[in-house]
Amino acid sequence: MREMETAKQNDRQPIEYETVTLKVPRILMEFVRATPAHYGLDSTAFLEYGLVDFIRSDLEATTGEELIKWNGLGPVFREILKDERF
């Protein structure tokens, strides 16, 4: 029960942001600015939303095998579990 309370509290903490500079082709930015009503967002908010949405969808499509590979867990699974798939 206490773990659920802690998880709920963590969900309420403010999100920290970082500002980055991106190189976007000018013609693409002109298109984004000229396209009306990107979900009610201005061009910057539209790009921020799109980036976060892309990362989320990429993670949702990731398989367990890919996560194992990215985190270098294969050797551990091979040695301890004798699982030759990794």
Protein backbone atom coordinates (compact mmCIF):
# COMPACT_ATOMS: atom_id res chain seq x y z
CA MET A 1 0.00 0.00 0.00
CA ARG A 2 2.80 2.37 0.90
CA GLU A 3 4.49 1.73 -2.47
CA MET A 4 1.33 2.86 -4.27
CA GLU A 5 1.22 6.04 -2.20
CA THR A 6 4.87 6.75 -3.04
CA ALA A 7 4.21 6.14 -6.75
CA LYS A 8 1.26 8.55 -6.67
CA GLN A 9 3.39 11.18 -4.95
CA ASN A 10 6.12 10.78 -7.57
CA ASP A 11 3.55 11.37 -10.32
CA ARG A 12 2.77 14.78 -8.81
CA GLN A 13 6.33 16.09 -8.85
CA PRO A 14 6.94 18.83 -11.41
CA ILE A 15 8.60 17.82 -14.66
CA GLU A 16 12.07 19.27 -15.18
CA TYR A 17 12.73 20.64 -18.66
CA GLU A 18 15.83 21.28 -20.70
CA THR A 19 16.10 23.68 -23.61
CA VAL A 20 17.86 22.44 -26.74
CA THR A 21 18.57 23.94 -30.12
CA LEU A 22 17.35 21.96 -33.13
CA LYS A 23 18.17 22.45 -36.77
CA VAL A 24 14.91 22.25 -38.71
CA PRO A 25 14.76 23.04 -42.42
CA ARG A 26 13.33 26.52 -42.91
CA ILE A 27 10.71 25.38 -45.42
CA LEU A 28 9.42 22.85 -42.91
CA MET A 29 9.16 25.49 -40.18
CA GLU A 30 7.35 27.80 -42.59
CA PHE A 31 4.88 24.99 -43.29
CA VAL A 32 4.38 24.31 -39.56
CA ARG A 33 3.78 28.00 -38.84
CA ALA A 34 1.38 28.36 -41.77
CA THR A 35 -0.66 25.26 -40.95
CA PRO A 36 -3.62 26.29 -38.82
CA ALA A 37 -4.63 24.75 -35.52
CA HIS A 38 -2.05 22.11 -34.71
CA TYR A 39 -4.31 20.78 -31.98
CA GLY A 40 -4.54 24.35 -30.73
CA LEU A 41 -0.77 24.60 -30.23
CA ASP A 42 1.70 27.18 -31.51
CA SER A 43 4.57 25.90 -33.66
CA THR A 44 6.98 25.40 -30.73
CA ALA A 45 4.44 23.56 -28.59
CA PHE A 46 3.44 21.47 -31.63
CA LEU A 47 7.06 20.36 -32.16
CA GLU A 48 7.54 19.66 -28.44
CA TYR A 49 4.39 17.55 -28.38
CA GLY A 50 5.45 15.72 -31.53
CA LEU A 51 8.87 14.87 -30.13
CA VAL A 52 7.48 13.51 -26.86
CA ASP A 53 4.80 11.55 -28.71
CA PHE A 54 7.40 10.07 -31.09
CA ILE A 55 9.62 8.92 -28.21
CA ARG A 56 6.67 7.39 -26.38
CA SER A 57 5.48 5.49 -29.46
CA ASP A 58 9.02 4.31 -30.17
CA LEU A 59 9.32 2.95 -26.62
CA GLU A 60 5.91 1.30 -26.80
CA ALA A 61 7.00 -0.51 -29.96
CA THR A 62 10.27 -1.71 -28.41
CA THR A 63 10.54 -5.41 -27.66
CA GLY A 64 12.02 -6.94 -24.55
CA GLU A 65 14.86 -8.32 -26.66
CA GLU A 66 15.74 -4.80 -27.83
CA LEU A 67 15.75 -3.50 -24.26
CA ILE A 68 18.01 -6.36 -23.23
CA LYS A 69 20.42 -5.59 -26.06
CA TRP A 70 20.44 -1.80 -25.42
CA ASN A 71 21.18 -2.32 -21.74
CA GLY A 72 23.86 -4.97 -22.25
CA LEU A 73 21.99 -7.62 -20.26
CA GLY A 74 22.56 -10.47 -22.73
CA PRO A 75 25.81 -11.72 -21.15
CA VAL A 76 24.15 -11.88 -17.73
CA PHE A 77 21.22 -13.89 -19.08
CA ARG A 78 23.55 -16.20 -21.02
CA GLU A 79 25.80 -16.89 -18.03
CA ILE A 80 23.29 -17.14 -15.21
CA LEU A 81 20.20 -18.40 -17.02
CA LYS A 82 22.08 -20.35 -19.70
CA ASP A 83 19.84 -18.61 -22.23
CA GLU A 84 21.67 -18.65 -25.56
CA ARG A 85 19.15 -16.35 -27.28
CA PHE A 86 20.97 -13.38 -25.87
